[in-house]
Amino acid sequence: MTRPLRGAAPLVPHKPADLVDRDEAWRTLSDAWAQPGPQLLFGAGRRRAGKSYLLTRFVRAVGGIYY
């Protein structure tokens, strides 16, 4: 899956079933991904809460790069 060209219908990835209780965070990432142009998001929270895991799963779903 690749990011759609500007003007095309936005591609909103479906949340994987193994991500539990992450609906709001997934929706926030999906909404930002659907917006035209670059977006800057900050992920904050207590350690070992799965922030990096959520981002890697989202990037995998949209075909992006996580570094």
Protein backbone atom coordinates (compact mmCIF):
# COMPACT_ATOMS: atom_id res chain seq x y z
CA MET A 1 0.00 0.00 0.00
CA THR A 2 1.31 3.43 -0.85
CA ARG A 3 0.24 6.92 0.06
CA PRO A 4 -2.25 8.32 -2.46
CA LEU A 5 -1.35 11.22 -4.70
CA ARG A 6 -2.64 14.65 -3.76
CA GLY A 7 -6.25 14.97 -4.83
CA ALA A 8 -6.87 11.21 -4.69
CA ALA A 9 -9.18 9.65 -2.13
CA PRO A 10 -7.31 9.29 1.19
CA LEU A 11 -6.14 5.83 2.12
CA VAL A 12 -7.09 5.03 5.70
CA PRO A 13 -5.53 1.81 6.99
CA HIS A 14 -7.51 -0.61 9.12
CA LYS A 15 -6.27 -1.24 12.65
CA PRO A 16 -4.76 -4.72 13.08
CA ALA A 17 -6.69 -7.02 15.39
CA ASP A 18 -3.68 -7.57 17.66
CA LEU A 19 -3.60 -3.89 18.70
CA VAL A 20 -5.82 -3.80 21.75
CA ASP A 21 -7.25 -0.55 23.19
CA ARG A 22 -5.47 1.67 20.68
CA ASP A 23 -8.53 2.90 18.75
CA GLU A 24 -8.08 6.59 19.56
CA ALA A 25 -4.35 6.60 18.81
CA TRP A 26 -4.88 4.68 15.54
CA ARG A 27 -7.65 7.10 14.54
CA THR A 28 -5.36 10.08 15.25
CA LEU A 29 -2.61 8.60 13.08
CA SER A 30 -5.09 7.74 10.32
CA ASP A 31 -6.58 11.24 10.35
CA ALA A 32 -3.13 12.81 10.09
CA TRP A 33 -2.18 10.40 7.27
CA ALA A 34 -5.32 11.33 5.31
CA GLN A 35 -4.52 15.07 5.43
CA PRO A 36 -2.78 16.58 2.41
CA GLY A 37 0.78 17.66 3.00
CA PRO A 38 3.15 16.89 5.86
CA GLN A 39 1.90 16.54 9.43
CA LEU A 40 3.83 16.63 12.71
CA LEU A 41 2.60 14.51 15.59
CA PHE A 42 4.09 13.96 19.04
CA GLY A 43 3.73 10.66 20.86
CA ALA A 44 4.15 10.91 24.60
CA GLY A 45 3.40 8.58 27.45
CA ARG A 46 4.89 6.42 30.10
CA ARG A 47 7.63 4.03 29.18
CA ARG A 48 6.93 0.49 27.97
CA ALA A 49 3.38 1.45 26.90
CA GLY A 50 3.79 0.41 23.25
CA LYS A 51 4.26 3.77 21.51
CA SER A 52 6.97 2.50 19.15
CA TYR A 53 5.06 -0.71 18.49
CA LEU A 54 1.97 1.28 17.51
CA LEU A 55 4.00 3.44 15.13
CA THR A 56 5.75 0.48 13.51
CA ARG A 57 2.41 -1.26 12.95
CA PHE A 58 0.91 1.91 11.44
CA VAL A 59 3.88 2.46 9.16
CA ARG A 60 3.68 -1.16 8.03
CA ALA A 61 -0.05 -0.74 7.29
CA VAL A 62 0.48 2.35 5.12
CA GLY A 63 3.71 1.20 3.46
CA GLY A 64 5.90 3.89 4.99
CA ILE A 65 9.32 3.99 6.61
CA TYR A 66 9.94 4.14 10.37
CA TYR A 67 13.43 5.09 11.50
